[in-house]
Each structure stands twice: as structure tokens, then as C-alpha cells.
N, C-alpha and C. Protein backbone atom coordinates (compact mmCIF):
# COMPACT_ATOMS: atom_id res chain seq x y z
N MET A 1 -32.29 178.97 98.58
CA MET A 1 -30.92 178.87 98.17
C MET A 1 -30.19 177.94 99.14
N SER A 2 -29.44 176.96 98.58
CA SER A 2 -28.73 176.00 99.42
C SER A 2 -27.43 176.62 99.93
N PRO A 3 -27.00 176.21 101.14
CA PRO A 3 -25.76 176.75 101.67
C PRO A 3 -24.56 176.26 100.87
N THR A 4 -23.52 177.07 100.85
CA THR A 4 -22.28 176.70 100.18
C THR A 4 -21.60 175.59 100.95
N PRO A 5 -21.20 174.49 100.26
CA PRO A 5 -20.55 173.40 101.00
C PRO A 5 -19.20 173.85 101.53
N THR A 6 -18.89 173.43 102.75
CA THR A 6 -17.59 173.75 103.33
C THR A 6 -16.74 172.49 103.32
N PHE A 7 -15.50 172.64 102.96
CA PHE A 7 -14.58 171.52 102.93
C PHE A 7 -13.67 171.60 104.14
N PRO A 8 -13.22 170.44 104.63
CA PRO A 8 -12.29 170.45 105.75
C PRO A 8 -11.02 171.23 105.41
N LYS A 9 -10.33 171.68 106.42
CA LYS A 9 -9.13 172.49 106.26
C LYS A 9 -8.07 171.78 105.41
N TRP A 10 -7.94 170.46 105.55
CA TRP A 10 -6.90 169.75 104.80
C TRP A 10 -7.18 169.76 103.31
N VAL A 11 -8.45 169.82 102.89
CA VAL A 11 -8.78 169.91 101.47
C VAL A 11 -8.39 171.29 100.93
N LYS A 12 -8.58 172.33 101.74
CA LYS A 12 -8.15 173.66 101.33
C LYS A 12 -6.63 173.74 101.21
N ILE A 13 -5.92 173.07 102.10
CA ILE A 13 -4.45 173.02 102.02
C ILE A 13 -4.03 172.31 100.74
N LEU A 14 -4.71 171.22 100.40
CA LEU A 14 -4.40 170.50 99.17
C LEU A 14 -4.66 171.37 97.95
N THR A 15 -5.76 172.10 97.94
CA THR A 15 -6.07 172.98 96.81
C THR A 15 -4.98 174.02 96.65
N HIS A 16 -4.54 174.62 97.74
CA HIS A 16 -3.46 175.61 97.69
C HIS A 16 -2.16 174.97 97.24
N PHE A 17 -1.89 173.74 97.69
CA PHE A 17 -0.66 173.04 97.33
C PHE A 17 -0.60 172.75 95.84
N SER A 18 -1.73 172.39 95.24
CA SER A 18 -1.73 171.96 93.85
C SER A 18 -1.64 173.09 92.84
N ILE A 19 -1.83 174.32 93.27
CA ILE A 19 -1.75 175.45 92.34
C ILE A 19 -0.31 175.60 91.87
N GLY A 20 -0.12 175.61 90.57
CA GLY A 20 1.20 175.83 90.01
C GLY A 20 2.05 174.58 89.85
N ARG A 21 1.61 173.43 90.38
CA ARG A 21 2.38 172.20 90.22
C ARG A 21 2.05 171.58 88.87
N THR A 22 3.04 171.25 88.10
CA THR A 22 2.80 170.58 86.83
C THR A 22 3.44 169.21 86.86
N CYS A 23 2.79 168.29 86.23
CA CYS A 23 3.31 166.93 86.20
C CYS A 23 3.59 166.48 84.78
N GLU A 24 2.77 166.89 83.85
CA GLU A 24 2.89 166.38 82.50
C GLU A 24 2.61 167.50 81.50
N VAL A 25 3.35 167.51 80.41
CA VAL A 25 3.16 168.49 79.35
C VAL A 25 2.79 167.73 78.08
N LYS A 26 1.66 168.11 77.50
CA LYS A 26 1.20 167.47 76.27
C LYS A 26 1.31 168.46 75.12
N LYS A 27 1.72 167.97 73.97
CA LYS A 27 1.77 168.78 72.76
C LYS A 27 0.38 168.79 72.14
N THR A 28 -0.02 169.96 71.59
CA THR A 28 -1.32 170.09 70.95
C THR A 28 -1.25 171.06 69.78
N LYS A 29 -2.01 170.76 68.77
CA LYS A 29 -2.07 171.64 67.59
C LYS A 29 -3.11 172.75 67.78
N THR A 30 -3.95 172.62 68.79
CA THR A 30 -5.00 173.63 69.00
C THR A 30 -4.49 174.89 69.67
N ARG A 31 -3.30 174.85 70.22
CA ARG A 31 -2.68 176.03 70.82
C ARG A 31 -1.44 176.41 70.03
N LEU A 32 -1.21 177.68 69.94
CA LEU A 32 -0.02 178.16 69.25
C LEU A 32 1.21 178.00 70.13
N ASN A 33 2.35 177.85 69.49
CA ASN A 33 3.61 177.82 70.21
C ASN A 33 3.87 179.21 70.77
N ARG A 34 4.13 179.31 72.06
CA ARG A 34 4.29 180.62 72.70
C ARG A 34 5.55 181.36 72.25
N LEU A 35 6.58 180.62 71.87
CA LEU A 35 7.82 181.26 71.45
C LEU A 35 7.77 181.74 70.01
N GLN A 36 7.00 181.03 69.19
CA GLN A 36 6.88 181.41 67.78
C GLN A 36 5.41 181.31 67.35
N PRO A 37 4.59 182.28 67.76
CA PRO A 37 3.15 182.19 67.47
C PRO A 37 2.80 182.35 66.00
N GLN A 38 3.70 182.85 65.16
CA GLN A 38 3.41 183.01 63.73
C GLN A 38 3.55 181.68 62.98
N ARG A 39 4.23 180.72 63.58
CA ARG A 39 4.45 179.44 62.90
C ARG A 39 3.36 178.46 63.32
N PHE A 40 2.42 178.22 62.41
CA PHE A 40 1.28 177.36 62.71
C PHE A 40 1.64 175.87 62.65
N ASP A 41 2.82 175.56 62.12
CA ASP A 41 3.24 174.17 62.04
C ASP A 41 3.83 173.65 63.35
N LEU A 42 4.14 174.54 64.29
CA LEU A 42 4.70 174.13 65.58
C LEU A 42 3.57 173.92 66.59
N SER A 43 3.69 172.88 67.37
CA SER A 43 2.67 172.56 68.37
C SER A 43 2.84 173.43 69.61
N GLY A 44 1.72 173.73 70.24
CA GLY A 44 1.74 174.38 71.54
C GLY A 44 1.75 173.33 72.64
N GLU A 45 1.60 173.76 73.89
CA GLU A 45 1.65 172.84 75.02
C GLU A 45 0.46 173.06 75.93
N ILE A 46 -0.01 171.96 76.52
CA ILE A 46 -1.01 172.00 77.58
C ILE A 46 -0.36 171.34 78.79
N LYS A 47 -0.35 172.05 79.91
CA LYS A 47 0.26 171.51 81.12
C LYS A 47 -0.83 170.98 82.04
N GLU A 48 -0.66 169.72 82.46
CA GLU A 48 -1.59 169.13 83.42
C GLU A 48 -1.04 169.37 84.82
N ARG A 49 -1.87 169.87 85.68
CA ARG A 49 -1.46 170.17 87.04
C ARG A 49 -1.91 169.03 87.96
N ARG A 50 -0.97 168.12 88.22
CA ARG A 50 -1.27 166.97 89.06
C ARG A 50 -0.10 166.71 90.00
N PRO A 51 -0.22 167.12 91.23
CA PRO A 51 0.88 166.87 92.17
C PRO A 51 0.87 165.41 92.65
N GLU A 52 1.96 165.00 93.23
CA GLU A 52 2.08 163.67 93.83
C GLU A 52 1.47 163.75 95.23
N ILE A 53 0.53 162.86 95.53
CA ILE A 53 -0.15 162.83 96.82
C ILE A 53 0.13 161.49 97.48
N VAL A 54 0.52 161.53 98.75
CA VAL A 54 0.71 160.32 99.54
C VAL A 54 -0.23 160.41 100.74
N CYS A 55 -1.14 159.45 100.86
CA CYS A 55 -2.04 159.38 102.01
C CYS A 55 -1.62 158.19 102.86
N ALA A 56 -1.26 158.45 104.10
CA ALA A 56 -0.93 157.38 105.04
C ALA A 56 -2.07 157.28 106.04
N ILE A 57 -2.49 156.06 106.32
CA ILE A 57 -3.58 155.84 107.27
C ILE A 57 -3.06 154.98 108.41
N ASP A 58 -3.25 155.47 109.62
CA ASP A 58 -2.88 154.75 110.83
C ASP A 58 -3.93 153.66 111.05
N THR A 59 -3.52 152.40 110.92
CA THR A 59 -4.45 151.28 111.11
C THR A 59 -4.14 150.51 112.39
N SER A 60 -3.64 151.20 113.40
CA SER A 60 -3.23 150.54 114.64
C SER A 60 -4.44 150.05 115.44
N GLY A 61 -4.14 149.25 116.47
CA GLY A 61 -5.18 148.69 117.31
C GLY A 61 -5.95 149.73 118.10
N SER A 62 -5.37 150.92 118.32
CA SER A 62 -6.07 151.95 119.08
C SER A 62 -7.15 152.64 118.24
N ARG A 63 -7.17 152.40 116.94
CA ARG A 63 -8.15 153.02 116.05
C ARG A 63 -9.37 152.12 115.94
N TYR A 64 -10.54 152.70 115.97
CA TYR A 64 -11.77 151.95 115.76
C TYR A 64 -12.02 151.83 114.26
N ALA A 65 -12.69 150.77 113.87
CA ALA A 65 -12.92 150.48 112.45
C ALA A 65 -13.65 151.61 111.74
N GLU A 66 -14.61 152.25 112.41
CA GLU A 66 -15.36 153.32 111.74
C GLU A 66 -14.49 154.55 111.47
N ARG A 67 -13.47 154.79 112.30
CA ARG A 67 -12.56 155.92 112.05
C ARG A 67 -11.64 155.62 110.86
N ILE A 68 -11.22 154.39 110.73
CA ILE A 68 -10.40 154.01 109.57
C ILE A 68 -11.24 154.10 108.31
N GLN A 69 -12.49 153.64 108.37
CA GLN A 69 -13.38 153.75 107.22
C GLN A 69 -13.65 155.21 106.87
N LYS A 70 -13.73 156.06 107.87
CA LYS A 70 -13.93 157.50 107.61
C LYS A 70 -12.72 158.08 106.89
N ALA A 71 -11.52 157.69 107.31
CA ALA A 71 -10.30 158.16 106.64
C ALA A 71 -10.26 157.64 105.20
N LEU A 72 -10.62 156.37 104.99
CA LEU A 72 -10.66 155.83 103.63
C LEU A 72 -11.72 156.56 102.80
N GLY A 73 -12.83 156.95 103.43
CA GLY A 73 -13.85 157.74 102.74
C GLY A 73 -13.32 159.11 102.34
N GLN A 74 -12.48 159.71 103.17
CA GLN A 74 -11.87 160.99 102.84
C GLN A 74 -10.90 160.85 101.66
N VAL A 75 -10.18 159.72 101.60
CA VAL A 75 -9.28 159.46 100.47
C VAL A 75 -10.10 159.30 99.19
N LEU A 76 -11.24 158.61 99.29
CA LEU A 76 -12.13 158.46 98.13
C LEU A 76 -12.66 159.82 97.68
N ALA A 77 -13.07 160.65 98.64
CA ALA A 77 -13.55 162.01 98.29
C ALA A 77 -12.44 162.82 97.64
N LEU A 78 -11.23 162.66 98.12
CA LEU A 78 -10.07 163.34 97.53
C LEU A 78 -9.86 162.89 96.09
N LYS A 79 -9.99 161.59 95.85
CA LYS A 79 -9.82 161.05 94.50
C LYS A 79 -10.92 161.56 93.57
N VAL A 80 -12.16 161.60 94.05
CA VAL A 80 -13.28 162.05 93.22
C VAL A 80 -13.19 163.55 92.95
N LYS A 81 -12.85 164.34 93.96
CA LYS A 81 -12.81 165.80 93.80
C LYS A 81 -11.67 166.26 92.90
N PHE A 82 -10.47 165.72 93.10
CA PHE A 82 -9.29 166.22 92.40
C PHE A 82 -8.80 165.31 91.28
N ASN A 83 -9.15 164.02 91.31
CA ASN A 83 -8.72 163.05 90.31
C ASN A 83 -7.20 162.98 90.18
N TYR A 84 -6.49 163.02 91.30
CA TYR A 84 -5.05 162.86 91.31
C TYR A 84 -4.71 161.39 91.51
N SER A 85 -3.53 161.01 91.10
CA SER A 85 -3.01 159.69 91.42
C SER A 85 -2.50 159.75 92.86
N ILE A 86 -2.94 158.81 93.67
CA ILE A 86 -2.65 158.83 95.10
C ILE A 86 -1.95 157.54 95.49
N THR A 87 -0.92 157.67 96.32
CA THR A 87 -0.29 156.50 96.92
C THR A 87 -0.86 156.36 98.32
N LEU A 88 -1.51 155.23 98.61
CA LEU A 88 -2.13 154.98 99.91
C LEU A 88 -1.24 154.00 100.67
N ILE A 89 -0.82 154.41 101.88
CA ILE A 89 0.02 153.57 102.72
C ILE A 89 -0.75 153.23 103.99
N GLU A 90 -0.96 151.95 104.23
CA GLU A 90 -1.59 151.49 105.46
C GLU A 90 -0.48 151.08 106.42
N CYS A 91 -0.48 151.65 107.62
CA CYS A 91 0.63 151.43 108.54
C CYS A 91 0.15 151.39 109.98
N ASP A 92 0.67 150.46 110.75
CA ASP A 92 0.50 150.50 112.20
C ASP A 92 1.90 150.63 112.81
N ALA A 93 2.54 149.56 113.27
CA ALA A 93 3.92 149.63 113.72
C ALA A 93 4.88 149.38 112.55
N LYS A 94 4.34 148.88 111.44
CA LYS A 94 5.12 148.70 110.22
C LYS A 94 4.17 148.91 109.04
N ILE A 95 4.73 149.12 107.87
CA ILE A 95 3.89 149.32 106.69
C ILE A 95 3.24 147.99 106.33
N GLN A 96 1.92 148.00 106.28
CA GLN A 96 1.16 146.79 105.98
C GLN A 96 0.92 146.62 104.48
N LYS A 97 0.56 147.73 103.82
CA LYS A 97 0.21 147.64 102.40
C LYS A 97 0.39 149.00 101.76
N ILE A 98 0.88 149.00 100.51
CA ILE A 98 1.00 150.22 99.71
C ILE A 98 0.19 150.01 98.44
N THR A 99 -0.74 150.94 98.18
CA THR A 99 -1.63 150.82 97.04
C THR A 99 -1.53 152.09 96.21
N GLU A 100 -1.35 151.93 94.91
CA GLU A 100 -1.40 153.07 93.98
C GLU A 100 -2.86 153.22 93.53
N ILE A 101 -3.46 154.35 93.83
CA ILE A 101 -4.87 154.58 93.50
C ILE A 101 -4.92 155.45 92.25
N LYS A 102 -5.32 154.84 91.16
CA LYS A 102 -5.43 155.57 89.90
C LYS A 102 -6.89 155.85 89.55
N LYS A 103 -7.81 155.06 90.11
CA LYS A 103 -9.24 155.29 89.90
C LYS A 103 -9.95 154.98 91.22
N SER A 104 -11.18 155.39 91.34
CA SER A 104 -11.92 155.25 92.60
C SER A 104 -12.05 153.81 93.05
N GLY A 105 -12.10 152.87 92.11
CA GLY A 105 -12.24 151.46 92.46
C GLY A 105 -11.01 150.85 93.09
N ASP A 106 -9.88 151.54 93.05
CA ASP A 106 -8.64 151.02 93.64
C ASP A 106 -8.58 151.18 95.15
N ILE A 107 -9.48 151.96 95.73
CA ILE A 107 -9.47 152.17 97.18
C ILE A 107 -9.93 150.89 97.86
N PRO A 108 -9.14 150.36 98.78
CA PRO A 108 -9.50 149.08 99.40
C PRO A 108 -10.72 149.21 100.31
N ASP A 109 -11.51 148.14 100.35
CA ASP A 109 -12.64 148.13 101.27
C ASP A 109 -12.28 147.44 102.57
N ARG A 110 -11.12 146.78 102.60
CA ARG A 110 -10.60 146.18 103.82
C ARG A 110 -9.23 146.79 104.10
N TYR A 111 -8.84 146.81 105.32
CA TYR A 111 -7.56 147.39 105.70
C TYR A 111 -6.74 146.36 106.47
N HIS A 112 -5.45 146.60 106.53
CA HIS A 112 -4.52 145.68 107.17
C HIS A 112 -3.87 146.39 108.36
N GLY A 113 -3.56 145.62 109.40
CA GLY A 113 -2.89 146.21 110.55
C GLY A 113 -3.49 145.75 111.85
N ARG A 114 -3.71 146.69 112.73
CA ARG A 114 -4.27 146.51 114.07
C ARG A 114 -3.20 146.20 115.10
N GLY A 115 -1.94 146.55 114.83
CA GLY A 115 -0.86 146.39 115.79
C GLY A 115 -0.64 147.69 116.56
N GLY A 116 0.61 147.96 116.95
CA GLY A 116 0.95 149.20 117.65
C GLY A 116 1.02 150.36 116.67
N THR A 117 1.38 151.55 117.18
CA THR A 117 1.42 152.74 116.33
C THR A 117 2.84 153.28 116.25
N SER A 118 3.30 153.51 115.03
CA SER A 118 4.57 154.18 114.80
C SER A 118 4.48 154.93 113.49
N TYR A 119 4.92 156.18 113.51
CA TYR A 119 4.94 157.00 112.29
C TYR A 119 6.24 156.80 111.50
N LEU A 120 7.26 156.22 112.14
CA LEU A 120 8.58 156.09 111.53
C LEU A 120 8.61 155.27 110.23
N PRO A 121 7.90 154.14 110.12
CA PRO A 121 7.99 153.38 108.86
C PRO A 121 7.57 154.18 107.63
N VAL A 122 6.50 154.96 107.75
CA VAL A 122 6.04 155.76 106.61
C VAL A 122 7.05 156.85 106.29
N ILE A 123 7.55 157.54 107.31
CA ILE A 123 8.52 158.62 107.09
C ILE A 123 9.80 158.05 106.49
N ASP A 124 10.28 156.91 107.00
CA ASP A 124 11.48 156.29 106.44
C ASP A 124 11.27 155.86 104.99
N TYR A 125 10.09 155.32 104.68
CA TYR A 125 9.79 154.89 103.31
C TYR A 125 9.79 156.09 102.36
N ILE A 126 9.14 157.17 102.77
CA ILE A 126 9.06 158.36 101.93
C ILE A 126 10.44 159.00 101.76
N ASN A 127 11.20 159.08 102.84
CA ASN A 127 12.53 159.68 102.77
C ASN A 127 13.50 158.87 101.91
N SER A 128 13.27 157.57 101.78
CA SER A 128 14.18 156.74 100.99
C SER A 128 13.81 156.69 99.50
N HIS A 129 12.68 157.26 99.11
CA HIS A 129 12.26 157.26 97.70
C HIS A 129 12.25 158.69 97.16
N PRO A 130 13.16 159.02 96.24
CA PRO A 130 13.21 160.38 95.70
C PRO A 130 11.95 160.79 94.94
N ARG A 131 11.14 159.82 94.56
CA ARG A 131 9.89 160.11 93.84
C ARG A 131 8.99 161.07 94.63
N TYR A 132 9.07 161.02 95.95
CA TYR A 132 8.16 161.79 96.81
C TYR A 132 8.72 163.14 97.26
N ARG A 133 9.81 163.61 96.69
CA ARG A 133 10.43 164.87 97.12
C ARG A 133 9.48 166.07 96.97
N ASN A 134 8.66 166.08 95.93
CA ASN A 134 7.73 167.20 95.71
C ASN A 134 6.30 166.82 96.06
N ALA A 135 6.12 165.81 96.89
CA ALA A 135 4.79 165.31 97.21
C ALA A 135 4.17 166.03 98.41
N LEU A 136 2.87 165.83 98.53
CA LEU A 136 2.13 166.25 99.72
C LEU A 136 1.83 164.99 100.51
N LEU A 137 2.23 164.94 101.77
CA LEU A 137 1.95 163.81 102.65
C LEU A 137 0.76 164.17 103.52
N ILE A 138 -0.30 163.39 103.43
CA ILE A 138 -1.47 163.55 104.29
C ILE A 138 -1.52 162.31 105.17
N TYR A 139 -1.35 162.50 106.49
CA TYR A 139 -1.30 161.37 107.41
C TYR A 139 -2.54 161.39 108.29
N PHE A 140 -3.44 160.41 108.11
CA PHE A 140 -4.65 160.28 108.92
C PHE A 140 -4.32 159.45 110.15
N THR A 141 -4.50 160.01 111.34
CA THR A 141 -4.14 159.32 112.57
C THR A 141 -5.02 159.78 113.72
N ASP A 142 -5.03 158.97 114.79
CA ASP A 142 -5.73 159.39 116.00
C ASP A 142 -4.85 160.27 116.87
N GLY A 143 -3.57 160.39 116.54
CA GLY A 143 -2.66 161.29 117.24
C GLY A 143 -1.77 160.62 118.26
N TYR A 144 -2.01 159.35 118.55
CA TYR A 144 -1.22 158.65 119.55
C TYR A 144 -0.17 157.80 118.85
N GLY A 145 1.10 158.18 119.02
CA GLY A 145 2.19 157.44 118.35
C GLY A 145 3.53 157.92 118.87
N ASP A 146 4.51 157.98 117.99
CA ASP A 146 5.87 158.39 118.35
C ASP A 146 5.91 159.83 118.84
N GLY A 147 6.91 160.14 119.65
CA GLY A 147 7.10 161.50 120.13
C GLY A 147 7.95 162.35 119.20
N GLU A 148 8.86 161.69 118.47
CA GLU A 148 9.74 162.39 117.54
C GLU A 148 9.91 161.57 116.27
N ILE A 149 10.04 162.29 115.16
CA ILE A 149 10.29 161.66 113.86
C ILE A 149 11.33 162.48 113.12
N PRO A 150 12.03 161.86 112.15
CA PRO A 150 12.90 162.68 111.30
C PRO A 150 12.04 163.55 110.39
N LYS A 151 12.61 164.63 109.90
CA LYS A 151 11.85 165.53 109.03
C LYS A 151 11.50 164.81 107.73
N PRO A 152 10.21 164.78 107.35
CA PRO A 152 9.84 164.15 106.08
C PRO A 152 10.39 164.94 104.90
N LYS A 153 10.98 164.24 103.95
CA LYS A 153 11.56 164.89 102.77
C LYS A 153 10.49 165.01 101.68
N VAL A 154 9.44 165.74 102.00
CA VAL A 154 8.35 166.02 101.07
C VAL A 154 8.15 167.52 101.03
N ARG A 155 7.37 167.97 100.06
CA ARG A 155 7.10 169.41 99.93
C ARG A 155 6.30 169.92 101.13
N GLN A 156 5.28 169.17 101.53
CA GLN A 156 4.42 169.62 102.63
C GLN A 156 3.82 168.41 103.33
N THR A 157 3.59 168.54 104.63
CA THR A 157 3.00 167.47 105.44
C THR A 157 1.77 168.01 106.15
N VAL A 158 0.70 167.21 106.14
CA VAL A 158 -0.53 167.56 106.85
C VAL A 158 -0.91 166.35 107.70
N TRP A 159 -1.04 166.57 109.00
CA TRP A 159 -1.49 165.53 109.92
C TRP A 159 -2.98 165.76 110.14
N VAL A 160 -3.81 164.80 109.76
CA VAL A 160 -5.26 164.92 109.90
C VAL A 160 -5.68 164.05 111.08
N LEU A 161 -6.15 164.70 112.15
CA LEU A 161 -6.55 163.98 113.36
C LEU A 161 -7.99 163.50 113.21
N THR A 162 -8.19 162.19 113.39
CA THR A 162 -9.52 161.62 113.21
C THR A 162 -10.33 161.62 114.49
N GLU A 163 -9.69 161.89 115.62
CA GLU A 163 -10.41 162.01 116.88
C GLU A 163 -9.63 162.94 117.80
N GLY A 164 -10.34 163.78 118.50
CA GLY A 164 -9.70 164.70 119.43
C GLY A 164 -8.79 165.70 118.74
N ASP A 165 -7.99 166.38 119.56
CA ASP A 165 -7.06 167.38 119.01
C ASP A 165 -5.67 167.19 119.59
N TYR A 166 -5.29 165.95 119.87
CA TYR A 166 -4.00 165.63 120.45
C TYR A 166 -3.11 164.95 119.41
N LEU A 167 -1.86 165.40 119.29
CA LEU A 167 -0.85 164.74 118.47
C LEU A 167 0.39 164.57 119.33
N SER A 168 0.89 163.35 119.42
CA SER A 168 2.01 163.04 120.32
C SER A 168 3.35 163.61 119.84
N LEU A 169 3.45 164.01 118.59
CA LEU A 169 4.71 164.53 118.07
C LEU A 169 5.04 165.90 118.65
N LYS A 170 6.31 166.08 119.05
CA LYS A 170 6.75 167.39 119.54
C LYS A 170 6.88 168.36 118.39
N ASN A 171 7.42 167.89 117.24
CA ASN A 171 7.55 168.72 116.05
C ASN A 171 7.00 167.94 114.86
N PRO A 172 5.78 168.25 114.41
CA PRO A 172 5.19 167.48 113.31
C PRO A 172 5.69 167.87 111.93
N TYR A 173 6.46 168.95 111.79
CA TYR A 173 6.98 169.42 110.51
C TYR A 173 5.86 169.67 109.50
N GLY A 174 4.79 170.26 109.93
CA GLY A 174 3.69 170.56 109.01
C GLY A 174 2.46 171.00 109.77
N ASP A 175 1.34 170.98 109.07
CA ASP A 175 0.07 171.40 109.65
C ASP A 175 -0.60 170.23 110.36
N VAL A 176 -1.29 170.54 111.44
CA VAL A 176 -2.09 169.55 112.17
C VAL A 176 -3.52 170.08 112.16
N VAL A 177 -4.43 169.33 111.54
CA VAL A 177 -5.81 169.77 111.41
C VAL A 177 -6.76 168.66 111.84
N LEU A 178 -7.99 169.05 112.15
CA LEU A 178 -9.04 168.09 112.46
C LEU A 178 -9.66 167.59 111.17
N ILE A 179 -10.15 166.36 111.16
CA ILE A 179 -10.68 165.77 109.94
C ILE A 179 -11.94 166.48 109.45
N ASP A 180 -12.77 166.95 110.36
CA ASP A 180 -14.03 167.58 109.96
C ASP A 180 -14.01 169.09 110.03
N GLY A 181 -13.10 169.65 110.80
CA GLY A 181 -13.21 171.05 111.12
C GLY A 181 -12.35 171.98 110.29
N GLU A 182 -12.56 173.23 110.54
CA GLU A 182 -11.80 174.30 109.90
C GLU A 182 -10.55 174.64 110.70
N LYS A 183 -10.46 174.13 111.90
CA LYS A 183 -9.44 174.55 112.84
C LYS A 183 -8.08 173.92 112.54
N THR A 184 -7.05 174.75 112.49
CA THR A 184 -5.67 174.26 112.42
C THR A 184 -5.16 174.21 113.85
N ILE A 185 -4.78 173.03 114.30
CA ILE A 185 -4.33 172.86 115.67
C ILE A 185 -2.94 173.42 115.88
N LYS A 186 -2.02 173.04 115.00
CA LYS A 186 -0.63 173.46 115.16
C LYS A 186 0.00 173.60 113.79
N ARG A 187 0.84 174.58 113.65
CA ARG A 187 1.55 174.74 112.38
C ARG A 187 3.03 174.94 112.71
N SER A 188 3.85 174.07 112.16
CA SER A 188 5.30 174.20 112.38
C SER A 188 6.02 173.71 111.14
N ARG A 189 7.24 174.12 110.97
CA ARG A 189 8.03 173.73 109.79
C ARG A 189 9.31 173.09 110.26
């Protein structure tokens, strides 16, 4: 008997986050209308549960190429496992590129950046767009960056550390987890 696969802590957080979130309602004749089940001429509804996901990847000069590729691999695994539409933000000291990932082929094989590290551009971008108010922000970083940030205006934030267990933020406004492990480093709101 093969062992049960274990998923990193951030995947479990995403699974918990997506329960109960609806994005789209489709009309269907195969289900009865819940308000009037005796009327077969009325369509029922099927709700698709697809939350808004934003993945930010720290592409600063302090990151090694294999760690960035590992984070991109995690985004690909996220796309394959859950099939959600994902907004991918590549950022070092400024936002380098924003990609809407609708299928697995949309994940870039090259990345942009290699400058300094700042979390502020991503947080400012997300806070200025109301589209992300109910989103989950997953930020892949090595942990070395700003000491303070404004509170992200998203439903939940997860900081995924790609190396070590250090995060420079005093208040991350969310969970801090290791990329491979089960361990939650810090939890704050």
C-alpha cells in the first residue's frame, strides 16, 4: 500500500479557504428549482466554487533561480490541482509582470526582476483594485524585505517561505508557512 500524499500547509489553507466560496451560478434543467420544485419548467442552479487567487513571487536578486522555479512549480501544481484562475505577480522592488493564468500553459518559463526586495508594490496594487477584496493572496518569498506593510485588503494572506523560517515583517497580517513543510511559523491577523 502506497503512503498517502501530504500537501504543504499552504495547500491545506487554500482548500479550507475555497470551501463555500462561489464565483459563478449556471442555470440547468437537470436540477429542480429549489423554491418551486413542482414546476419542471423552471431551471435550477449549479454553483461553481472558484475563489480569486493571487500568487505573488519575489524575484529579487537575493533569490536563487532554482527557488523561483520551485515557486513557479508550486503555482503550476496549484493550477493543476484546483483549476482556479490565478493572477501571478512577479515583483522585486517594483512589479515586473502581471499574468492571468487561465490554463497550465500560461505559467511563464522565464521570470522578470532580480532587483531589490519590497512587498509594498504588490500590496499597493492589490489594495487599489476592488476585484481582489475576496481573494486569497499567496506570497512566495525568501523572507527578506520590508519591515512593515499596510494591511492587505484581501480575505486572507499566506506568506510561503522558500528558504529558512525568517520573515522580516513585524506583522504579516496572515499565516507564515514553509514551502515544503507542515509547520506554520507565525499566525497573526
